[in-house]
Amino acid sequence: MSISSTYTASQVEDWMIDRLAAMLDIDPETISRDTVFSELGISSIQAIELATEIEDSVGREITPTLVYEYPTIGEAVSYVIAASRG
């Protein structure tokens, strides 16, 4: 999925949850918009991989510290949507 300005917050959230679940090998049903990245046990390497995937989808630079600056899925989604509309 390429994240564009036409996607809703819900669609971006679903995409991010699916990516995280696949990356961490966990059930996506255990992740919500209020989930804190650190509670998922995401490593710094995985955080960089996620930021890179988002960057590729948005077509804009995304900070590799995304999960630390925006600690919940919902906060990260808001940032990604703003970046995609840039």
PDB file of N, CA and C in Angstrom:
ATOM      1  N   MET A   1       0.850  -1.182   0.000  1.00  0.00           N
ATOM      2  CA  MET A   1       0.000   0.000   0.000  1.00  0.00           C
ATOM      3  C   MET A   1       0.885   1.229   0.000  1.00  0.00           C
ATOM      4  N   SER A   2       0.608   2.120  -0.878  1.00  0.00           N
ATOM      5  CA  SER A   2       1.290   3.406  -0.881  1.00  0.00           C
ATOM      6  C   SER A   2       0.381   4.383  -0.151  1.00  0.00           C
ATOM      7  N   ILE A   3       0.898   4.967   0.912  1.00  0.00           N
ATOM      8  CA  ILE A   3       0.089   5.880   1.718  1.00  0.00           C
ATOM      9  C   ILE A   3       0.044   7.226   1.014  1.00  0.00           C
ATOM     10  N   SER A   4      -1.130   7.640   0.619  1.00  0.00           N
ATOM     11  CA  SER A   4      -1.270   8.931  -0.043  1.00  0.00           C
ATOM     12  C   SER A   4      -2.226   9.804   0.754  1.00  0.00           C
ATOM     13  N   SER A   5      -2.350  11.024   0.305  1.00  0.00           N
ATOM     14  CA  SER A   5      -3.205  11.978   1.013  1.00  0.00           C
ATOM     15  C   SER A   5      -4.675  11.586   0.949  1.00  0.00           C
ATOM     16  N   THR A   6      -5.022  10.606   0.137  1.00  0.00           N
ATOM     17  CA  THR A   6      -6.424  10.194   0.028  1.00  0.00           C
ATOM     18  C   THR A   6      -6.821   9.139   1.052  1.00  0.00           C
ATOM     19  N   TYR A   7      -5.843   8.555   1.730  1.00  0.00           N
ATOM     20  CA  TYR A   7      -6.157   7.536   2.726  1.00  0.00           C
ATOM     21  C   TYR A   7      -6.637   8.162   4.028  1.00  0.00           C
ATOM     22  N   THR A   8      -7.583   7.490   4.663  1.00  0.00           N
ATOM     23  CA  THR A   8      -8.101   7.969   5.945  1.00  0.00           C
ATOM     24  C   THR A   8      -7.177   7.519   7.073  1.00  0.00           C
ATOM     25  N   ALA A   9      -7.362   8.139   8.228  1.00  0.00           N
ATOM     26  CA  ALA A   9      -6.578   7.757   9.406  1.00  0.00           C
ATOM     27  C   ALA A   9      -6.804   6.284   9.727  1.00  0.00           C
ATOM     28  N   SER A  10      -8.019   5.819   9.589  1.00  0.00           N
ATOM     29  CA  SER A  10      -8.345   4.425   9.877  1.00  0.00           C
ATOM     30  C   SER A  10      -7.602   3.474   8.938  1.00  0.00           C
ATOM     31  N   GLN A  11      -7.516   3.822   7.670  1.00  0.00           N
ATOM     32  CA  GLN A  11      -6.806   2.978   6.708  1.00  0.00           C
ATOM     33  C   GLN A  11      -5.308   2.936   7.003  1.00  0.00           C
ATOM     34  N   VAL A  12      -4.733   4.082   7.333  1.00  0.00           N
ATOM     35  CA  VAL A  12      -3.307   4.141   7.660  1.00  0.00           C
ATOM     36  C   VAL A  12      -3.046   3.369   8.949  1.00  0.00           C
ATOM     37  N   GLU A  13      -3.949   3.521   9.905  1.00  0.00           N
ATOM     38  CA  GLU A  13      -3.835   2.794  11.176  1.00  0.00           C
ATOM     39  C   GLU A  13      -3.871   1.280  10.941  1.00  0.00           C
ATOM     40  N   ASP A  14      -4.810   0.816  10.125  1.00  0.00           N
ATOM     41  CA  ASP A  14      -4.903  -0.615   9.818  1.00  0.00           C
ATOM     42  C   ASP A  14      -3.621  -1.109   9.150  1.00  0.00           C
ATOM     43  N   TRP A  15      -3.094  -0.323   8.215  1.00  0.00           N
ATOM     44  CA  TRP A  15      -1.856  -0.689   7.526  1.00  0.00           C
ATOM     45  C   TRP A  15      -0.710  -0.797   8.528  1.00  0.00           C
ATOM     46  N   MET A  16      -0.588   0.204   9.407  1.00  0.00           N
ATOM     47  CA  MET A  16       0.509   0.204  10.375  1.00  0.00           C
ATOM     48  C   MET A  16       0.376  -0.971  11.351  1.00  0.00           C
ATOM     49  N   ILE A  17      -0.825  -1.245  11.799  1.00  0.00           N
ATOM     50  CA  ILE A  17      -1.052  -2.375  12.710  1.00  0.00           C
ATOM     51  C   ILE A  17      -0.696  -3.689  12.023  1.00  0.00           C
ATOM     52  N   ASP A  18      -1.109  -3.842  10.774  1.00  0.00           N
ATOM     53  CA  ASP A  18      -0.778  -5.066  10.033  1.00  0.00           C
ATOM     54  C   ASP A  18       0.728  -5.220   9.856  1.00  0.00           C
ATOM     55  N   ARG A  19       1.420  -4.133   9.543  1.00  0.00           N
ATOM     56  CA  ARG A  19       2.878  -4.180   9.366  1.00  0.00           C
ATOM     57  C   ARG A  19       3.562  -4.545  10.677  1.00  0.00           C
ATOM     58  N   LEU A  20       3.126  -3.918  11.764  1.00  0.00           N
ATOM     59  CA  LEU A  20       3.724  -4.217  13.071  1.00  0.00           C
ATOM     60  C   LEU A  20       3.475  -5.664  13.474  1.00  0.00           C
ATOM     61  N   ALA A  21       2.257  -6.134  13.270  1.00  0.00           N
ATOM     62  CA  ALA A  21       1.919  -7.514  13.632  1.00  0.00           C
ATOM     63  C   ALA A  21       2.785  -8.498  12.855  1.00  0.00           C
ATOM     64  N   ALA A  22       2.965  -8.252  11.569  1.00  0.00           N
ATOM     65  CA  ALA A  22       3.803  -9.130  10.753  1.00  0.00           C
ATOM     66  C   ALA A  22       5.262  -9.048  11.194  1.00  0.00           C
ATOM     67  N   MET A  23       5.726  -7.845  11.456  1.00  0.00           N
ATOM     68  CA  MET A  23       7.113  -7.629  11.855  1.00  0.00           C
ATOM     69  C   MET A  23       7.430  -8.306  13.187  1.00  0.00           C
ATOM     70  N   LEU A  24       6.472  -8.240  14.110  1.00  0.00           N
ATOM     71  CA  LEU A  24       6.687  -8.758  15.462  1.00  0.00           C
ATOM     72  C   LEU A  24       6.119 -10.161  15.661  1.00  0.00           C
ATOM     73  N   ASP A  25       5.486 -10.688  14.620  1.00  0.00           N
ATOM     74  CA  ASP A  25       4.873 -12.018  14.659  1.00  0.00           C
ATOM     75  C   ASP A  25       3.873 -12.140  15.815  1.00  0.00           C
ATOM     76  N   ILE A  26       2.948 -11.169  15.844  1.00  0.00           N
ATOM     77  CA  ILE A  26       1.892 -11.172  16.855  1.00  0.00           C
ATOM     78  C   ILE A  26       0.537 -10.988  16.176  1.00  0.00           C
ATOM     79  N   ASP A  27      -0.524 -11.273  16.897  1.00  0.00           N
ATOM     80  CA  ASP A  27      -1.885 -11.138  16.390  1.00  0.00           C
ATOM     81  C   ASP A  27      -2.228  -9.650  16.272  1.00  0.00           C
ATOM     82  N   PRO A  28      -2.649  -9.188  15.087  1.00  0.00           N
ATOM     83  CA  PRO A  28      -3.003  -7.774  14.932  1.00  0.00           C
ATOM     84  C   PRO A  28      -4.146  -7.335  15.847  1.00  0.00           C
ATOM     85  N   GLU A  29      -4.962  -8.291  16.283  1.00  0.00           N
ATOM     86  CA  GLU A  29      -6.071  -7.965  17.184  1.00  0.00           C
ATOM     87  C   GLU A  29      -5.581  -7.489  18.552  1.00  0.00           C
ATOM     88  N   THR A  30      -4.319  -7.742  18.870  1.00  0.00           N
ATOM     89  CA  THR A  30      -3.765  -7.323  20.164  1.00  0.00           C
ATOM     90  C   THR A  30      -3.212  -5.901  20.118  1.00  0.00           C
ATOM     91  N   ILE A  31      -3.280  -5.266  18.932  1.00  0.00           N
ATOM     92  CA  ILE A  31      -2.739  -3.918  18.755  1.00  0.00           C
ATOM     93  C   ILE A  31      -3.886  -2.957  18.467  1.00  0.00           C
ATOM     94  N   SER A  32      -3.864  -1.794  19.120  1.00  0.00           N
ATOM     95  CA  SER A  32      -4.869  -0.761  18.864  1.00  0.00           C
ATOM     96  C   SER A  32      -4.164   0.579  18.679  1.00  0.00           C
ATOM     97  N   ARG A  33      -4.931   1.593  18.362  1.00  0.00           N
ATOM     98  CA  ARG A  33      -4.358   2.929  18.164  1.00  0.00           C
ATOM     99  C   ARG A  33      -3.743   3.477  19.445  1.00  0.00           C
ATOM    100  N   ASP A  34      -4.153   2.960  20.598  1.00  0.00           N
ATOM    101  CA  ASP A  34      -3.618   3.428  21.878  1.00  0.00           C
ATOM    102  C   ASP A  34      -2.427   2.606  22.357  1.00  0.00           C
ATOM    103  N   THR A  35      -2.057   1.598  21.593  1.00  0.00           N
ATOM    104  CA  THR A  35      -0.916   0.766  21.965  1.00  0.00           C
ATOM    105  C   THR A  35       0.364   1.589  21.909  1.00  0.00           C
ATOM    106  N   VAL A  36       1.161   1.459  22.944  1.00  0.00           N
ATOM    107  CA  VAL A  36       2.453   2.147  23.010  1.00  0.00           C
ATOM    108  C   VAL A  36       3.490   1.221  22.373  1.00  0.00           C
ATOM    109  N   PHE A  37       4.274   1.786  21.457  1.00  0.00           N
ATOM    110  CA  PHE A  37       5.263   0.970  20.746  1.00  0.00           C
ATOM    111  C   PHE A  37       6.162   0.192  21.700  1.00  0.00           C
ATOM    112  N   SER A  38       6.593   0.824  22.779  1.00  0.00           N
ATOM    113  CA  SER A  38       7.514   0.154  23.706  1.00  0.00           C
ATOM    114  C   SER A  38       6.869  -1.066  24.363  1.00  0.00           C
ATOM    115  N   GLU A  39       5.538  -1.073  24.488  1.00  0.00           N
ATOM    116  CA  GLU A  39       4.842  -2.226  25.059  1.00  0.00           C
ATOM    117  C   GLU A  39       4.856  -3.428  24.110  1.00  0.00           C
ATOM    118  N   LEU A  40       5.103  -3.165  22.836  1.00  0.00           N
ATOM    119  CA  LEU A  40       5.146  -4.242  21.851  1.00  0.00           C
ATOM    120  C   LEU A  40       6.508  -4.919  21.808  1.00  0.00           C
ATOM    121  N   GLY A  41       7.487  -4.307  22.441  1.00  0.00           N
ATOM    122  CA  GLY A  41       8.834  -4.870  22.434  1.00  0.00           C
ATOM    123  C   GLY A  41       9.567  -4.633  21.128  1.00  0.00           C
ATOM    124  N   ILE A  42       9.221  -3.558  20.439  1.00  0.00           N
ATOM    125  CA  ILE A  42       9.855  -3.244  19.162  1.00  0.00           C
ATOM    126  C   ILE A  42      11.310  -2.837  19.398  1.00  0.00           C
ATOM    127  N   SER A  43      12.205  -3.422  18.631  1.00  0.00           N
ATOM    128  CA  SER A  43      13.629  -3.103  18.764  1.00  0.00           C
ATOM    129  C   SER A  43      13.957  -1.853  17.950  1.00  0.00           C
ATOM    130  N   SER A  44      15.120  -1.297  18.185  1.00  0.00           N
ATOM    131  CA  SER A  44      15.521  -0.106  17.431  1.00  0.00           C
ATOM    132  C   SER A  44      15.663  -0.440  15.943  1.00  0.00           C
ATOM    133  N   ILE A  45      16.116  -1.626  15.629  1.00  0.00           N
ATOM    134  CA  ILE A  45      16.237  -2.030  14.222  1.00  0.00           C
ATOM    135  C   ILE A  45      14.853  -2.138  13.587  1.00  0.00           C
ATOM    136  N   GLN A  46      13.900  -2.710  14.305  1.00  0.00           N
ATOM    137  CA  GLN A  46      12.534  -2.812  13.786  1.00  0.00           C
ATOM    138  C   GLN A  46      11.906  -1.428  13.643  1.00  0.00           C
ATOM    139  N   ALA A  47      12.222  -0.522  14.553  1.00  0.00           N
ATOM    140  CA  ALA A  47      11.706   0.846  14.465  1.00  0.00           C
ATOM    141  C   ALA A  47      12.212   1.517  13.192  1.00  0.00           C
ATOM    142  N   ILE A  48      13.476   1.296  12.879  1.00  0.00           N
ATOM    143  CA  ILE A  48      14.050   1.864  11.656  1.00  0.00           C
ATOM    144  C   ILE A  48      13.413   1.223  10.427  1.00  0.00           C
ATOM    145  N   GLU A  49      13.198  -0.088  10.462  1.00  0.00           N
ATOM    146  CA  GLU A  49      12.547  -0.780   9.345  1.00  0.00           C
ATOM    147  C   GLU A  49      11.138  -0.240   9.114  1.00  0.00           C
ATOM    148  N   LEU A  50      10.394  -0.026  10.195  1.00  0.00           N
ATOM    149  CA  LEU A  50       9.040   0.514  10.075  1.00  0.00           C
ATOM    150  C   LEU A  50       9.082   1.917   9.480  1.00  0.00           C
ATOM    151  N   ALA A  51       9.968   2.764   9.986  1.00  0.00           N
ATOM    152  CA  ALA A  51      10.091   4.129   9.470  1.00  0.00           C
ATOM    153  C   ALA A  51      10.452   4.109   7.985  1.00  0.00           C
ATOM    154  N   THR A  52      11.319   3.201   7.595  1.00  0.00           N
ATOM    155  CA  THR A  52      11.720   3.091   6.189  1.00  0.00           C
ATOM    156  C   THR A  52      10.546   2.657   5.317  1.00  0.00           C
ATOM    157  N   GLU A  53       9.756   1.694   5.781  1.00  0.00           N
ATOM    158  CA  GLU A  53       8.572   1.262   5.027  1.00  0.00           C
ATOM    159  C   GLU A  53       7.577   2.411   4.876  1.00  0.00           C
ATOM    160  N   ILE A  54       7.382   3.155   5.956  1.00  0.00           N
ATOM    161  CA  ILE A  54       6.461   4.294   5.900  1.00  0.00           C
ATOM    162  C   ILE A  54       7.004   5.340   4.934  1.00  0.00           C
ATOM    163  N   GLU A  55       8.289   5.621   5.038  1.00  0.00           N
ATOM    164  CA  GLU A  55       8.939   6.596   4.158  1.00  0.00           C
ATOM    165  C   GLU A  55       8.744   6.209   2.689  1.00  0.00           C
ATOM    166  N   ASP A  56       8.958   4.945   2.382  1.00  0.00           N
ATOM    167  CA  ASP A  56       8.775   4.465   1.009  1.00  0.00           C
ATOM    168  C   ASP A  56       7.323   4.614   0.563  1.00  0.00           C
ATOM    169  N   SER A  57       6.386   4.389   1.463  1.00  0.00           N
ATOM    170  CA  SER A  57       4.961   4.482   1.133  1.00  0.00           C
ATOM    171  C   SER A  57       4.482   5.915   0.977  1.00  0.00           C
ATOM    172  N   VAL A  58       5.041   6.803   1.788  1.00  0.00           N
ATOM    173  CA  VAL A  58       4.617   8.201   1.774  1.00  0.00           C
ATOM    174  C   VAL A  58       5.366   8.991   0.705  1.00  0.00           C
ATOM    175  N   GLY A  59       6.605   8.578   0.449  1.00  0.00           N
ATOM    176  CA  GLY A  59       7.416   9.323  -0.507  1.00  0.00           C
ATOM    177  C   GLY A  59       8.044  10.559   0.095  1.00  0.00           C
ATOM    178  N   ARG A  60       8.107  10.588   1.415  1.00  0.00           N
ATOM    179  CA  ARG A  60       8.737  11.697   2.139  1.00  0.00           C
ATOM    180  C   ARG A  60       9.596  11.121   3.249  1.00  0.00           C
ATOM    181  N   GLU A  61      10.580  11.906   3.655  1.00  0.00           N
ATOM    182  CA  GLU A  61      11.463  11.446   4.723  1.00  0.00           C
ATOM    183  C   GLU A  61      10.697  11.322   6.039  1.00  0.00           C
ATOM    184  N   ILE A  62      10.854  10.189   6.685  1.00  0.00           N
ATOM    185  CA  ILE A  62      10.244   9.925   7.989  1.00  0.00           C
ATOM    186  C   ILE A  62      11.374   9.649   8.970  1.00  0.00           C
ATOM    187  N   THR A  63      11.341  10.315  10.089  1.00  0.00           N
ATOM    188  CA  THR A  63      12.395  10.143  11.078  1.00  0.00           C
ATOM    189  C   THR A  63      12.453   8.706  11.585  1.00  0.00           C
ATOM    190  N   PRO A  64      13.656   8.136  11.675  1.00  0.00           N
ATOM    191  CA  PRO A  64      13.767   6.774  12.193  1.00  0.00           C
ATOM    192  C   PRO A  64      13.407   6.676  13.675  1.00  0.00           C
ATOM    193  N   THR A  65      13.284   7.812  14.332  1.00  0.00           N
ATOM    194  CA  THR A  65      12.903   7.831  15.747  1.00  0.00           C
ATOM    195  C   THR A  65      11.393   7.996  15.919  1.00  0.00           C
ATOM    196  N   LEU A  66      10.644   7.727  14.859  1.00  0.00           N
ATOM    197  CA  LEU A  66       9.187   7.878  14.862  1.00  0.00           C
ATOM    198  C   LEU A  66       8.537   7.257  16.091  1.00  0.00           C
ATOM    199  N   VAL A  67       8.899   6.010  16.421  1.00  0.00           N
ATOM    200  CA  VAL A  67       8.235   5.302  17.518  1.00  0.00           C
ATOM    201  C   VAL A  67       8.598   5.867  18.887  1.00  0.00           C
ATOM    202  N   TYR A  68       9.638   6.672  18.946  1.00  0.00           N
ATOM    203  CA  TYR A  68      10.030   7.291  20.218  1.00  0.00           C
ATOM    204  C   TYR A  68       9.435   8.695  20.346  1.00  0.00           C
ATOM    205  N   GLU A  69       9.335   9.390  19.224  1.00  0.00           N
ATOM    206  CA  GLU A  69       8.769  10.740  19.229  1.00  0.00           C
ATOM    207  C   GLU A  69       7.243  10.722  19.272  1.00  0.00           C
ATOM    208  N   TYR A  70       6.660   9.683  18.713  1.00  0.00           N
ATOM    209  CA  TYR A  70       5.204   9.510  18.675  1.00  0.00           C
ATOM    210  C   TYR A  70       4.926   8.125  19.256  1.00  0.00           C
ATOM    211  N   PRO A  71       4.839   8.021  20.581  1.00  0.00           N
ATOM    212  CA  PRO A  71       4.875   6.719  21.257  1.00  0.00           C
ATOM    213  C   PRO A  71       3.677   5.789  21.051  1.00  0.00           C
ATOM    214  N   THR A  72       2.548   6.294  20.574  1.00  0.00           N
ATOM    215  CA  THR A  72       1.414   5.395  20.333  1.00  0.00           C
ATOM    216  C   THR A  72       1.154   5.275  18.835  1.00  0.00           C
ATOM    217  N   ILE A  73       0.456   4.223  18.464  1.00  0.00           N
ATOM    218  CA  ILE A  73       0.091   4.017  17.062  1.00  0.00           C
ATOM    219  C   ILE A  73      -0.695   5.227  16.556  1.00  0.00           C
ATOM    220  N   GLY A  74      -1.651   5.682  17.338  1.00  0.00           N
ATOM    221  CA  GLY A  74      -2.485   6.812  16.936  1.00  0.00           C
ATOM    222  C   GLY A  74      -1.685   8.077  16.689  1.00  0.00           C
ATOM    223  N   GLU A  75      -0.720   8.358  17.561  1.00  0.00           N
ATOM    224  CA  GLU A  75       0.118   9.549  17.381  1.00  0.00           C
ATOM    225  C   GLU A  75       0.984   9.411  16.133  1.00  0.00           C
ATOM    226  N   ALA A  76       1.519   8.224  15.913  1.00  0.00           N
ATOM    227  CA  ALA A  76       2.349   7.989  14.730  1.00  0.00           C
ATOM    228  C   ALA A  76       1.520   8.121  13.453  1.00  0.00           C
ATOM    229  N   VAL A  77       0.298   7.610  13.478  1.00  0.00           N
ATOM    230  CA  VAL A  77      -0.584   7.710  12.314  1.00  0.00           C
ATOM    231  C   VAL A  77      -0.874   9.172  11.996  1.00  0.00           C
ATOM    232  N   SER A  78      -1.150   9.977  13.002  1.00  0.00           N
ATOM    233  CA  SER A  78      -1.404  11.406  12.780  1.00  0.00           C
ATOM    234  C   SER A  78      -0.207  12.073  12.123  1.00  0.00           C
ATOM    235  N   TYR A  79       0.989  11.729  12.594  1.00  0.00           N
ATOM    236  CA  TYR A  79       2.217  12.275  12.017  1.00  0.00           C
ATOM    237  C   TYR A  79       2.371  11.833  10.556  1.00  0.00           C
ATOM    238  N   VAL A  80       2.137  10.557  10.287  1.00  0.00           N
ATOM    239  CA  VAL A  80       2.294  10.024   8.931  1.00  0.00           C
ATOM    240  C   VAL A  80       1.303  10.686   7.975  1.00  0.00           C
ATOM    241  N   ILE A  81       0.073  10.869   8.413  1.00  0.00           N
ATOM    242  CA  ILE A  81      -0.929  11.523   7.565  1.00  0.00           C
ATOM    243  C   ILE A  81      -0.508  12.956   7.260  1.00  0.00           C
ATOM    244  N   ALA A  82      -0.041  13.671   8.269  1.00  0.00           N
ATOM    245  CA  ALA A  82       0.427  15.044   8.049  1.00  0.00           C
ATOM    246  C   ALA A  82       1.604  15.057   7.072  1.00  0.00           C
ATOM    247  N   ALA A  83       2.516  14.106   7.211  1.00  0.00           N
ATOM    248  CA  ALA A  83       3.677  14.031   6.317  1.00  0.00           C
ATOM    249  C   ALA A  83       3.248  13.718   4.885  1.00  0.00           C
ATOM    250  N   SER A  84       2.236  12.869   4.734  1.00  0.00           N
ATOM    251  CA  SER A  84       1.793  12.492   3.389  1.00  0.00           C
ATOM    252  C   SER A  84       1.105  13.650   2.679  1.00  0.00           C
ATOM    253  N   ARG A  85       0.583  14.568   3.452  1.00  0.00           N
ATOM    254  CA  ARG A  85      -0.111  15.727   2.870  1.00  0.00           C
ATOM    255  C   ARG A  85       0.809  16.921   2.759  1.00  0.00           C
ATOM    256  N   GLY A  86       1.997  16.765   3.332  1.00  0.00           N
ATOM    257  CA  GLY A  86       3.073  17.666   3.431  1.00  0.00           C
ATOM    258  C   GLY A  86       3.186  18.930   2.824  1.00  0.00           C
TER     259      GLY A  86
END
